[in-house]
Amino acid sequence: MPTEPTDAKPESSANGFADMILSLNAQCQAGEAVTLGDALDHAGARMHGAAILLLALPEALPLPIPSFGAILGVPLLMTSAHLALFGERGNLPARARQIHLPQRMLALMTRYFVGPMRRAERLSQDRLSALAGRERLVGVVCIALSSLLLLPIPLMNVPPALALVILSWGLVQRDGLFVGFGLAIAAAIMISIVAMTNVVLDALN
């Protein structure tokens, strides 16, 4: 059963999420296997947000490289569903914690995201708690966005991945401004998909 949420400030906010990525990459470079559970032990509280952020970051890179969606899409769905059901309470299921994080993924995040995340950490603050606390709503939206990452369409994973990153960053930092921005992007993505689907159906008819 999930435990009661803690009011403590997440360790990821205190030590820095960018520092966590550097630490995990160093661990991987030293030849040690890195699991999602290892990352969450670094992150402290708000584990669901930290897990979604970590799993979505590689897909937010608009690079012509093989997608991690096939590897990370299912764990993202699992984490999002758990968030939708329980909010930020308790730990993730043991099966999710045992997922191994690819070395190449951590190397890419270290190269491309550490600098921007340090700047984002300076901008983030505890605000708009009414939005930051809508954890189950964010979980439902993350389920839809995570499903899109499973589609084998090159570079089309970037918009939903960015929305996931912004939403989960808002959860981790307890920043309702980021959560609201992520929800707006997610709504725009869904509206665009519906509009494009209607155009295709009209063309076929």
N, C-alpha and C. Protein backbone atom coordinates (compact mmCIF):
# COMPACT_ATOMS: atom_id res chain seq x y z
N MET A 1 0.85 -1.20 0.00
CA MET A 1 0.00 0.00 0.00
C MET A 1 0.88 1.24 0.00
N PRO A 2 0.49 2.31 -0.73
CA PRO A 2 1.29 3.52 -0.72
C PRO A 2 1.31 4.16 0.65
N THR A 3 2.42 4.79 0.96
CA THR A 3 2.55 5.47 2.23
C THR A 3 2.15 6.92 2.07
N GLU A 4 2.02 7.62 3.18
CA GLU A 4 1.62 9.01 3.13
C GLU A 4 2.72 9.86 2.54
N PRO A 5 2.39 10.92 1.80
CA PRO A 5 3.41 11.75 1.19
C PRO A 5 4.20 12.52 2.23
N THR A 6 5.41 12.84 1.88
CA THR A 6 6.25 13.62 2.77
C THR A 6 6.23 15.08 2.35
N ASP A 7 6.38 15.97 3.30
CA ASP A 7 6.39 17.39 3.00
C ASP A 7 7.81 17.91 2.84
N ALA A 8 8.79 17.01 2.98
CA ALA A 8 10.17 17.45 2.87
C ALA A 8 10.47 17.88 1.45
N LYS A 9 11.38 18.85 1.32
CA LYS A 9 11.81 19.30 0.01
C LYS A 9 12.56 18.19 -0.67
N PRO A 10 12.29 17.86 -1.96
CA PRO A 10 12.96 16.77 -2.62
C PRO A 10 14.46 16.96 -2.64
N GLU A 11 15.18 15.86 -2.43
CA GLU A 11 16.63 15.93 -2.49
C GLU A 11 17.10 16.37 -3.85
N SER A 12 16.34 16.02 -4.91
CA SER A 12 16.72 16.42 -6.24
C SER A 12 16.75 17.93 -6.37
N SER A 13 15.89 18.63 -5.58
CA SER A 13 15.90 20.07 -5.62
C SER A 13 17.08 20.62 -4.84
N ALA A 14 17.41 19.94 -3.73
CA ALA A 14 18.48 20.45 -2.90
C ALA A 14 19.84 20.22 -3.55
N ASN A 15 20.08 19.02 -4.06
CA ASN A 15 21.37 18.68 -4.63
C ASN A 15 21.45 19.01 -6.11
N GLY A 16 20.32 19.12 -6.75
CA GLY A 16 20.29 19.42 -8.16
C GLY A 16 20.09 18.17 -9.00
N PHE A 17 19.09 18.20 -9.86
CA PHE A 17 18.84 17.06 -10.74
C PHE A 17 19.99 16.88 -11.71
N ALA A 18 20.60 17.99 -12.14
CA ALA A 18 21.76 17.90 -13.02
C ALA A 18 22.90 17.15 -12.34
N ASP A 19 23.11 17.43 -11.05
CA ASP A 19 24.16 16.71 -10.31
C ASP A 19 23.85 15.23 -10.22
N MET A 20 22.57 14.89 -10.11
CA MET A 20 22.18 13.48 -10.06
C MET A 20 22.54 12.77 -11.36
N ILE A 21 22.28 13.43 -12.50
CA ILE A 21 22.61 12.83 -13.79
C ILE A 21 24.12 12.63 -13.91
N LEU A 22 24.89 13.62 -13.48
CA LEU A 22 26.35 13.49 -13.52
C LEU A 22 26.82 12.31 -12.67
N SER A 23 26.22 12.17 -11.50
CA SER A 23 26.60 11.08 -10.60
C SER A 23 26.25 9.72 -11.20
N LEU A 24 25.06 9.61 -11.80
CA LEU A 24 24.66 8.34 -12.41
C LEU A 24 25.55 8.00 -13.61
N ASN A 25 25.90 9.02 -14.40
CA ASN A 25 26.76 8.78 -15.55
C ASN A 25 28.15 8.33 -15.10
N ALA A 26 28.67 8.94 -14.05
CA ALA A 26 29.97 8.53 -13.52
C ALA A 26 29.93 7.09 -13.02
N GLN A 27 28.83 6.73 -12.37
CA GLN A 27 28.65 5.36 -11.90
C GLN A 27 28.66 4.38 -13.07
N CYS A 28 27.97 4.78 -14.15
CA CYS A 28 27.91 3.93 -15.34
C CYS A 28 29.27 3.84 -16.01
N GLN A 29 29.99 4.96 -16.09
CA GLN A 29 31.31 4.97 -16.71
C GLN A 29 32.30 4.09 -15.94
N ALA A 30 32.06 3.95 -14.65
CA ALA A 30 32.92 3.11 -13.82
C ALA A 30 32.60 1.63 -13.98
N GLY A 31 31.64 1.30 -14.84
CA GLY A 31 31.31 -0.09 -15.11
C GLY A 31 30.21 -0.66 -14.25
N GLU A 32 29.56 0.19 -13.45
CA GLU A 32 28.47 -0.28 -12.59
C GLU A 32 27.14 -0.16 -13.32
N ALA A 33 26.28 -1.13 -13.14
CA ALA A 33 24.93 -1.07 -13.71
C ALA A 33 24.12 -0.01 -12.96
N VAL A 34 23.36 0.76 -13.70
CA VAL A 34 22.53 1.81 -13.11
C VAL A 34 21.07 1.49 -13.38
N THR A 35 20.28 1.44 -12.33
CA THR A 35 18.86 1.15 -12.47
C THR A 35 18.04 2.41 -12.17
N LEU A 36 16.77 2.35 -12.54
CA LEU A 36 15.88 3.45 -12.22
C LEU A 36 15.79 3.64 -10.71
N GLY A 37 15.84 2.53 -9.97
CA GLY A 37 15.82 2.62 -8.51
C GLY A 37 17.01 3.39 -7.97
N ASP A 38 18.21 3.20 -8.57
CA ASP A 38 19.38 3.96 -8.14
C ASP A 38 19.12 5.47 -8.31
N ALA A 39 18.53 5.82 -9.45
CA ALA A 39 18.24 7.23 -9.71
C ALA A 39 17.25 7.78 -8.70
N LEU A 40 16.23 7.00 -8.37
CA LEU A 40 15.20 7.47 -7.45
C LEU A 40 15.74 7.59 -6.03
N ASP A 41 16.72 6.75 -5.68
CA ASP A 41 17.35 6.88 -4.38
C ASP A 41 18.10 8.21 -4.27
N HIS A 42 18.65 8.67 -5.39
CA HIS A 42 19.29 9.99 -5.43
C HIS A 42 18.23 11.08 -5.32
N ALA A 43 17.08 10.87 -6.00
CA ALA A 43 16.09 11.93 -6.14
C ALA A 43 15.35 12.21 -4.84
N GLY A 44 15.17 11.20 -3.98
CA GLY A 44 14.44 11.41 -2.74
C GLY A 44 12.95 11.41 -2.96
N ALA A 45 12.23 12.42 -2.43
CA ALA A 45 10.78 12.49 -2.54
C ALA A 45 10.36 12.81 -3.97
N ARG A 46 9.05 12.72 -4.23
CA ARG A 46 8.49 12.98 -5.57
C ARG A 46 9.12 12.05 -6.60
N MET A 47 9.11 10.76 -6.30
CA MET A 47 9.80 9.79 -7.13
C MET A 47 9.16 9.63 -8.50
N HIS A 48 7.83 9.73 -8.58
CA HIS A 48 7.17 9.56 -9.87
C HIS A 48 7.60 10.65 -10.84
N GLY A 49 7.61 11.90 -10.37
CA GLY A 49 8.05 12.99 -11.22
C GLY A 49 9.48 12.82 -11.66
N ALA A 50 10.34 12.40 -10.73
CA ALA A 50 11.75 12.19 -11.07
C ALA A 50 11.92 11.07 -12.09
N ALA A 51 11.15 9.99 -11.93
CA ALA A 51 11.24 8.87 -12.87
C ALA A 51 10.78 9.27 -14.27
N ILE A 52 9.65 9.97 -14.35
CA ILE A 52 9.15 10.40 -15.66
C ILE A 52 10.13 11.36 -16.32
N LEU A 53 10.69 12.27 -15.54
CA LEU A 53 11.66 13.21 -16.08
C LEU A 53 12.88 12.48 -16.64
N LEU A 54 13.40 11.55 -15.88
CA LEU A 54 14.58 10.81 -16.31
C LEU A 54 14.32 9.98 -17.56
N LEU A 55 13.15 9.36 -17.63
CA LEU A 55 12.84 8.49 -18.76
C LEU A 55 12.45 9.27 -20.01
N ALA A 56 11.93 10.48 -19.84
CA ALA A 56 11.48 11.26 -21.00
C ALA A 56 12.58 12.12 -21.60
N LEU A 57 13.58 12.47 -20.81
CA LEU A 57 14.62 13.38 -21.29
C LEU A 57 15.29 12.93 -22.59
N PRO A 58 15.69 11.66 -22.73
CA PRO A 58 16.37 11.27 -23.98
C PRO A 58 15.52 11.46 -25.22
N GLU A 59 14.20 11.30 -25.08
CA GLU A 59 13.31 11.44 -26.23
C GLU A 59 13.10 12.91 -26.61
N ALA A 60 13.49 13.82 -25.74
CA ALA A 60 13.31 15.25 -26.02
C ALA A 60 14.43 15.81 -26.90
N LEU A 61 15.39 14.97 -27.27
CA LEU A 61 16.49 15.42 -28.13
C LEU A 61 16.09 15.27 -29.60
N PRO A 62 16.03 16.36 -30.35
CA PRO A 62 15.70 16.27 -31.78
C PRO A 62 16.92 15.89 -32.61
N LEU A 63 17.42 14.69 -32.36
CA LEU A 63 18.62 14.23 -33.05
C LEU A 63 18.30 13.01 -33.90
N PRO A 64 18.98 12.84 -35.04
CA PRO A 64 18.76 11.67 -35.90
C PRO A 64 19.46 10.44 -35.37
N ILE A 65 19.07 10.00 -34.17
CA ILE A 65 19.64 8.82 -33.54
C ILE A 65 18.51 7.86 -33.22
N PRO A 66 18.83 6.56 -33.05
CA PRO A 66 17.77 5.61 -32.70
C PRO A 66 17.03 6.03 -31.43
N SER A 67 15.71 5.93 -31.48
CA SER A 67 14.90 6.36 -30.36
C SER A 67 15.01 5.38 -29.19
N PHE A 68 14.92 5.92 -27.98
CA PHE A 68 14.85 5.08 -26.78
C PHE A 68 13.41 4.74 -26.43
N GLY A 69 12.46 5.20 -27.27
CA GLY A 69 11.06 5.02 -26.96
C GLY A 69 10.65 3.58 -26.76
N ALA A 70 11.22 2.68 -27.58
CA ALA A 70 10.87 1.26 -27.47
C ALA A 70 11.32 0.68 -26.13
N ILE A 71 12.43 1.25 -25.56
CA ILE A 71 12.97 0.75 -24.29
C ILE A 71 12.28 1.42 -23.11
N LEU A 72 12.05 2.72 -23.24
CA LEU A 72 11.58 3.51 -22.10
C LEU A 72 10.08 3.77 -22.11
N GLY A 73 9.42 3.49 -23.25
CA GLY A 73 8.00 3.79 -23.37
C GLY A 73 7.15 3.04 -22.36
N VAL A 74 7.40 1.74 -22.20
CA VAL A 74 6.60 0.94 -21.25
C VAL A 74 6.85 1.37 -19.81
N PRO A 75 8.13 1.56 -19.38
CA PRO A 75 8.34 2.08 -18.02
C PRO A 75 7.68 3.44 -17.79
N LEU A 76 7.67 4.29 -18.82
CA LEU A 76 6.98 5.58 -18.69
C LEU A 76 5.49 5.38 -18.46
N LEU A 77 4.90 4.45 -19.21
CA LEU A 77 3.48 4.16 -19.04
C LEU A 77 3.19 3.63 -17.63
N MET A 78 4.04 2.73 -17.16
CA MET A 78 3.87 2.16 -15.82
C MET A 78 3.93 3.24 -14.75
N THR A 79 4.93 4.11 -14.86
CA THR A 79 5.11 5.17 -13.87
C THR A 79 3.96 6.17 -13.92
N SER A 80 3.54 6.51 -15.14
CA SER A 80 2.44 7.47 -15.30
C SER A 80 1.14 6.90 -14.73
N ALA A 81 0.89 5.61 -14.98
CA ALA A 81 -0.32 4.98 -14.46
C ALA A 81 -0.29 4.94 -12.93
N HIS A 82 0.86 4.65 -12.35
CA HIS A 82 0.99 4.62 -10.90
C HIS A 82 0.76 6.02 -10.31
N LEU A 83 1.27 7.05 -11.01
CA LEU A 83 1.05 8.42 -10.57
C LEU A 83 -0.42 8.79 -10.65
N ALA A 84 -1.09 8.37 -11.74
CA ALA A 84 -2.51 8.67 -11.90
C ALA A 84 -3.36 8.00 -10.81
N LEU A 85 -2.95 6.82 -10.38
CA LEU A 85 -3.71 6.08 -9.38
C LEU A 85 -3.45 6.58 -7.96
N PHE A 86 -2.20 6.85 -7.63
CA PHE A 86 -1.83 7.10 -6.24
C PHE A 86 -1.28 8.50 -5.98
N GLY A 87 -0.99 9.27 -7.04
CA GLY A 87 -0.32 10.55 -6.82
C GLY A 87 1.11 10.30 -6.37
N GLU A 88 1.75 11.33 -5.83
CA GLU A 88 3.14 11.18 -5.38
C GLU A 88 3.19 10.58 -3.98
N ARG A 89 2.67 9.35 -3.88
CA ARG A 89 2.67 8.68 -2.58
C ARG A 89 3.43 7.36 -2.73
N GLY A 90 4.29 7.10 -1.77
CA GLY A 90 4.97 5.82 -1.74
C GLY A 90 5.99 5.66 -2.84
N ASN A 91 6.43 4.43 -3.00
CA ASN A 91 7.50 4.09 -3.94
C ASN A 91 6.91 3.52 -5.22
N LEU A 92 7.73 3.48 -6.25
CA LEU A 92 7.32 2.81 -7.48
C LEU A 92 7.36 1.30 -7.29
N PRO A 93 6.64 0.55 -8.11
CA PRO A 93 6.71 -0.91 -8.02
C PRO A 93 8.14 -1.40 -8.22
N ALA A 94 8.46 -2.52 -7.57
CA ALA A 94 9.83 -3.06 -7.65
C ALA A 94 10.23 -3.34 -9.09
N ARG A 95 9.29 -3.77 -9.91
CA ARG A 95 9.61 -4.07 -11.31
C ARG A 95 10.10 -2.83 -12.04
N ALA A 96 9.50 -1.68 -11.75
CA ALA A 96 9.93 -0.44 -12.39
C ALA A 96 11.29 0.00 -11.88
N ARG A 97 11.54 -0.18 -10.59
CA ARG A 97 12.81 0.23 -10.02
C ARG A 97 13.98 -0.58 -10.56
N GLN A 98 13.72 -1.79 -11.04
CA GLN A 98 14.78 -2.67 -11.53
C GLN A 98 15.16 -2.41 -12.98
N ILE A 99 14.49 -1.48 -13.65
CA ILE A 99 14.78 -1.19 -15.05
C ILE A 99 16.17 -0.58 -15.16
N HIS A 100 16.99 -1.13 -16.08
CA HIS A 100 18.35 -0.63 -16.28
C HIS A 100 18.33 0.58 -17.21
N LEU A 101 19.10 1.59 -16.86
CA LEU A 101 19.22 2.78 -17.69
C LEU A 101 20.43 2.63 -18.60
N PRO A 102 20.24 2.70 -19.93
CA PRO A 102 21.34 2.49 -20.87
C PRO A 102 22.46 3.51 -20.68
N GLN A 103 23.69 3.05 -20.83
CA GLN A 103 24.85 3.94 -20.67
C GLN A 103 24.79 5.09 -21.68
N ARG A 104 24.38 4.77 -22.92
CA ARG A 104 24.33 5.81 -23.95
C ARG A 104 23.31 6.89 -23.60
N MET A 105 22.23 6.48 -22.98
CA MET A 105 21.20 7.43 -22.58
C MET A 105 21.75 8.41 -21.55
N LEU A 106 22.45 7.90 -20.54
CA LEU A 106 23.01 8.77 -19.51
C LEU A 106 24.09 9.67 -20.09
N ALA A 107 24.87 9.16 -21.04
CA ALA A 107 25.90 9.98 -21.67
C ALA A 107 25.28 11.13 -22.46
N LEU A 108 24.19 10.85 -23.18
CA LEU A 108 23.51 11.90 -23.95
C LEU A 108 22.91 12.96 -23.03
N MET A 109 22.32 12.52 -21.93
CA MET A 109 21.74 13.48 -21.00
C MET A 109 22.82 14.34 -20.36
N THR A 110 23.96 13.73 -20.05
CA THR A 110 25.07 14.50 -19.49
C THR A 110 25.56 15.55 -20.48
N ARG A 111 25.64 15.16 -21.74
CA ARG A 111 26.17 16.08 -22.76
C ARG A 111 25.21 17.22 -23.07
N TYR A 112 23.91 16.93 -23.18
CA TYR A 112 22.98 17.92 -23.71
C TYR A 112 22.09 18.59 -22.67
N PHE A 113 21.91 17.99 -21.49
CA PHE A 113 20.89 18.50 -20.58
C PHE A 113 21.42 19.08 -19.27
N VAL A 114 22.65 18.75 -18.89
CA VAL A 114 23.13 19.22 -17.59
C VAL A 114 23.15 20.74 -17.51
N GLY A 115 23.67 21.40 -18.55
CA GLY A 115 23.70 22.87 -18.55
C GLY A 115 22.32 23.49 -18.49
N PRO A 116 21.40 23.12 -19.42
CA PRO A 116 20.05 23.68 -19.35
C PRO A 116 19.33 23.39 -18.05
N MET A 117 19.57 22.22 -17.46
CA MET A 117 18.89 21.90 -16.22
C MET A 117 19.40 22.74 -15.06
N ARG A 118 20.67 23.07 -15.07
CA ARG A 118 21.18 23.96 -14.02
C ARG A 118 20.49 25.32 -14.11
N ARG A 119 20.28 25.80 -15.34
CA ARG A 119 19.59 27.09 -15.50
C ARG A 119 18.13 26.97 -15.07
N ALA A 120 17.49 25.84 -15.41
CA ALA A 120 16.09 25.63 -15.02
C ALA A 120 15.96 25.56 -13.50
N GLU A 121 16.96 24.98 -12.83
CA GLU A 121 16.92 24.90 -11.37
C GLU A 121 16.94 26.29 -10.73
N ARG A 122 17.67 27.21 -11.37
CA ARG A 122 17.72 28.58 -10.84
C ARG A 122 16.39 29.30 -11.04
N LEU A 123 15.64 28.92 -12.10
CA LEU A 123 14.37 29.57 -12.40
C LEU A 123 13.21 29.00 -11.59
N SER A 124 13.35 27.76 -11.15
CA SER A 124 12.24 27.06 -10.49
C SER A 124 12.07 27.52 -9.05
N GLN A 125 10.83 27.51 -8.62
CA GLN A 125 10.53 27.80 -7.22
C GLN A 125 9.19 27.18 -6.86
N ASP A 126 8.96 27.04 -5.57
CA ASP A 126 7.71 26.48 -5.07
C ASP A 126 6.61 27.54 -5.25
N ARG A 127 5.70 27.33 -6.22
CA ARG A 127 4.66 28.32 -6.50
C ARG A 127 3.45 27.65 -7.13
N LEU A 128 2.33 28.36 -7.14
CA LEU A 128 1.09 27.88 -7.72
C LEU A 128 0.80 26.44 -7.27
N SER A 129 0.70 26.27 -5.95
CA SER A 129 0.55 24.93 -5.39
C SER A 129 -0.72 24.23 -5.87
N ALA A 130 -1.75 24.99 -6.23
CA ALA A 130 -2.99 24.37 -6.72
C ALA A 130 -2.73 23.56 -7.99
N LEU A 131 -1.84 24.06 -8.83
CA LEU A 131 -1.47 23.32 -10.04
C LEU A 131 -0.42 22.26 -9.75
N ALA A 132 0.57 22.61 -8.94
CA ALA A 132 1.64 21.66 -8.63
C ALA A 132 1.12 20.43 -7.92
N GLY A 133 -0.02 20.56 -7.23
CA GLY A 133 -0.58 19.43 -6.49
C GLY A 133 -1.53 18.56 -7.28
N ARG A 134 -1.76 18.88 -8.55
CA ARG A 134 -2.68 18.07 -9.36
C ARG A 134 -1.95 16.86 -9.94
N GLU A 135 -1.46 16.02 -9.04
CA GLU A 135 -0.58 14.92 -9.44
C GLU A 135 -1.31 13.85 -10.26
N ARG A 136 -2.54 13.50 -9.85
CA ARG A 136 -3.27 12.47 -10.58
C ARG A 136 -3.65 12.95 -11.98
N LEU A 137 -4.02 14.22 -12.10
CA LEU A 137 -4.30 14.78 -13.42
C LEU A 137 -3.05 14.72 -14.31
N VAL A 138 -1.93 15.10 -13.74
CA VAL A 138 -0.67 15.01 -14.49
C VAL A 138 -0.38 13.58 -14.89
N GLY A 139 -0.68 12.63 -14.01
CA GLY A 139 -0.47 11.22 -14.33
C GLY A 139 -1.30 10.78 -15.53
N VAL A 140 -2.56 11.19 -15.57
CA VAL A 140 -3.44 10.84 -16.69
C VAL A 140 -2.89 11.42 -18.00
N VAL A 141 -2.48 12.68 -17.96
CA VAL A 141 -1.92 13.32 -19.15
C VAL A 141 -0.62 12.62 -19.58
N CYS A 142 0.18 12.23 -18.60
CA CYS A 142 1.44 11.54 -18.92
C CYS A 142 1.20 10.17 -19.55
N ILE A 143 0.10 9.51 -19.19
CA ILE A 143 -0.24 8.24 -19.84
C ILE A 143 -0.44 8.46 -21.33
N ALA A 144 -1.22 9.50 -21.68
CA ALA A 144 -1.48 9.79 -23.09
C ALA A 144 -0.19 10.15 -23.83
N LEU A 145 0.63 11.00 -23.21
CA LEU A 145 1.88 11.42 -23.86
C LEU A 145 2.85 10.25 -24.00
N SER A 146 2.93 9.40 -22.99
CA SER A 146 3.82 8.24 -23.04
C SER A 146 3.41 7.27 -24.14
N SER A 147 2.10 7.15 -24.36
CA SER A 147 1.61 6.27 -25.43
C SER A 147 2.11 6.75 -26.80
N LEU A 148 2.19 8.06 -26.97
CA LEU A 148 2.66 8.61 -28.24
C LEU A 148 4.13 8.27 -28.49
N LEU A 149 4.91 8.11 -27.42
CA LEU A 149 6.33 7.80 -27.58
C LEU A 149 6.56 6.40 -28.13
N LEU A 150 5.55 5.55 -28.03
CA LEU A 150 5.69 4.18 -28.54
C LEU A 150 5.51 4.11 -30.06
N LEU A 151 5.05 5.21 -30.67
CA LEU A 151 4.86 5.21 -32.12
C LEU A 151 6.20 5.33 -32.83
N PRO A 152 6.49 4.46 -33.80
CA PRO A 152 7.80 4.47 -34.48
C PRO A 152 7.90 5.53 -35.57
N ILE A 153 7.76 6.80 -35.18
CA ILE A 153 7.82 7.91 -36.13
C ILE A 153 9.03 8.78 -35.78
N PRO A 154 10.08 8.82 -36.64
CA PRO A 154 11.30 9.59 -36.33
C PRO A 154 11.01 11.05 -36.03
N LEU A 155 11.63 11.56 -34.95
CA LEU A 155 11.57 12.95 -34.52
C LEU A 155 10.19 13.41 -34.05
N MET A 156 9.15 12.60 -34.28
CA MET A 156 7.81 12.99 -33.84
C MET A 156 7.63 12.75 -32.34
N ASN A 157 8.60 12.09 -31.71
CA ASN A 157 8.53 11.88 -30.27
C ASN A 157 8.88 13.14 -29.48
N VAL A 158 9.53 14.10 -30.15
CA VAL A 158 10.05 15.26 -29.42
C VAL A 158 8.96 16.08 -28.73
N PRO A 159 7.86 16.49 -29.40
CA PRO A 159 6.85 17.30 -28.71
C PRO A 159 6.26 16.64 -27.46
N PRO A 160 5.79 15.36 -27.54
CA PRO A 160 5.26 14.76 -26.30
C PRO A 160 6.33 14.57 -25.24
N ALA A 161 7.56 14.29 -25.67
CA ALA A 161 8.63 14.13 -24.68
C ALA A 161 8.92 15.44 -23.97
N LEU A 162 8.92 16.54 -24.71
CA LEU A 162 9.12 17.85 -24.09
C LEU A 162 8.01 18.16 -23.09
N ALA A 163 6.78 17.83 -23.46
CA ALA A 163 5.67 18.05 -22.54
C ALA A 163 5.84 17.22 -21.27
N LEU A 164 6.28 15.98 -21.42
CA LEU A 164 6.54 15.12 -20.26
C LEU A 164 7.63 15.70 -19.38
N VAL A 165 8.69 16.20 -20.01
CA VAL A 165 9.81 16.78 -19.26
C VAL A 165 9.33 17.99 -18.45
N ILE A 166 8.57 18.87 -19.08
CA ILE A 166 8.10 20.08 -18.40
C ILE A 166 7.14 19.74 -17.26
N LEU A 167 6.21 18.80 -17.52
CA LEU A 167 5.27 18.40 -16.48
C LEU A 167 5.99 17.77 -15.28
N SER A 168 6.90 16.85 -15.56
CA SER A 168 7.59 16.15 -14.48
C SER A 168 8.54 17.10 -13.74
N TRP A 169 9.14 18.04 -14.46
CA TRP A 169 9.98 19.04 -13.80
C TRP A 169 9.15 19.85 -12.81
N GLY A 170 7.95 20.22 -13.22
CA GLY A 170 7.07 20.95 -12.32
C GLY A 170 6.74 20.15 -11.07
N LEU A 171 6.53 18.82 -11.22
CA LEU A 171 6.27 17.97 -10.06
C LEU A 171 7.47 17.91 -9.14
N VAL A 172 8.64 17.68 -9.73
CA VAL A 172 9.85 17.53 -8.92
C VAL A 172 10.16 18.81 -8.15
N GLN A 173 10.01 19.96 -8.82
CA GLN A 173 10.35 21.23 -8.20
C GLN A 173 9.16 21.86 -7.45
N ARG A 174 8.00 21.19 -7.49
CA ARG A 174 6.77 21.74 -6.91
C ARG A 174 6.46 23.13 -7.50
N ASP A 175 6.66 23.24 -8.80
CA ASP A 175 6.49 24.52 -9.49
C ASP A 175 5.26 24.43 -10.39
N GLY A 176 4.15 25.02 -9.94
CA GLY A 176 2.91 24.96 -10.69
C GLY A 176 2.97 25.68 -12.03
N LEU A 177 3.90 26.63 -12.18
CA LEU A 177 4.04 27.32 -13.46
C LEU A 177 4.48 26.34 -14.54
N PHE A 178 5.45 25.49 -14.22
CA PHE A 178 5.90 24.49 -15.18
C PHE A 178 4.81 23.46 -15.44
N VAL A 179 4.09 23.06 -14.40
CA VAL A 179 3.00 22.10 -14.58
C VAL A 179 1.95 22.67 -15.53
N GLY A 180 1.56 23.92 -15.31
CA GLY A 180 0.57 24.55 -16.17
C GLY A 180 1.04 24.67 -17.61
N PHE A 181 2.32 25.02 -17.79
CA PHE A 181 2.89 25.12 -19.13
C PHE A 181 2.89 23.75 -19.81
N GLY A 182 3.25 22.72 -19.06
CA GLY A 182 3.25 21.37 -19.62
C GLY A 182 1.87 20.90 -20.01
N LEU A 183 0.86 21.23 -19.18
CA LEU A 183 -0.52 20.86 -19.51
C LEU A 183 -0.99 21.56 -20.78
N ALA A 184 -0.59 22.83 -20.93
CA ALA A 184 -0.97 23.58 -22.13
C ALA A 184 -0.34 22.97 -23.38
N ILE A 185 0.93 22.58 -23.29
CA ILE A 185 1.61 21.94 -24.43
C ILE A 185 0.94 20.61 -24.75
N ALA A 186 0.62 19.83 -23.72
CA ALA A 186 -0.04 18.53 -23.94
C ALA A 186 -1.39 18.73 -24.63
N ALA A 187 -2.15 19.73 -24.20
CA ALA A 187 -3.44 20.00 -24.84
C ALA A 187 -3.25 20.38 -26.30
N ALA A 188 -2.24 21.19 -26.59
CA ALA A 188 -1.96 21.59 -27.97
C ALA A 188 -1.59 20.38 -28.83
N ILE A 189 -0.82 19.47 -28.27
CA ILE A 189 -0.43 18.25 -29.00
C ILE A 189 -1.66 17.42 -29.33
N MET A 190 -2.54 17.21 -28.34
CA MET A 190 -3.73 16.40 -28.57
C MET A 190 -4.66 17.04 -29.60
N ILE A 191 -4.82 18.36 -29.52
CA ILE A 191 -5.66 19.06 -30.50
C ILE A 191 -5.07 18.93 -31.90
N SER A 192 -3.74 19.02 -32.01
CA SER A 192 -3.08 18.88 -33.31
C SER A 192 -3.28 17.49 -33.88
N ILE A 193 -3.19 16.48 -33.02
CA ILE A 193 -3.37 15.10 -33.49
C ILE A 193 -4.79 14.89 -34.00
N VAL A 194 -5.77 15.40 -33.25
CA VAL A 194 -7.16 15.27 -33.70
C VAL A 194 -7.37 15.98 -35.03
N ALA A 195 -6.81 17.19 -35.17
CA ALA A 195 -6.96 17.96 -36.40
C ALA A 195 -6.31 17.23 -37.58
N MET A 196 -5.11 16.70 -37.37
CA MET A 196 -4.42 15.99 -38.45
C MET A 196 -5.17 14.71 -38.83
N THR A 197 -5.71 14.03 -37.82
CA THR A 197 -6.47 12.81 -38.10
C THR A 197 -7.70 13.12 -38.94
N ASN A 198 -8.37 14.21 -38.63
CA ASN A 198 -9.55 14.62 -39.41
C ASN A 198 -9.17 14.96 -40.85
N VAL A 199 -8.04 15.62 -41.02
CA VAL A 199 -7.57 15.96 -42.38
C VAL A 199 -7.29 14.69 -43.17
N VAL A 200 -6.63 13.73 -42.55
CA VAL A 200 -6.32 12.46 -43.24
C VAL A 200 -7.59 11.71 -43.59
N LEU A 201 -8.53 11.64 -42.65
CA LEU A 201 -9.79 10.94 -42.91
C LEU A 201 -10.58 11.62 -44.03
N ASP A 202 -10.57 12.95 -44.04
CA ASP A 202 -11.27 13.67 -45.11
C ASP A 202 -10.62 13.40 -46.46
N ALA A 203 -9.28 13.33 -46.47
CA ALA A 203 -8.57 13.06 -47.72
C ALA A 203 -8.87 11.65 -48.26
N LEU A 204 -8.99 10.70 -47.32
CA LEU A 204 -9.27 9.32 -47.72
C LEU A 204 -10.70 9.16 -48.24
N ASN A 205 -11.58 10.01 -47.73
CA ASN A 205 -12.98 9.92 -48.16
C ASN A 205 -13.19 10.69 -49.46
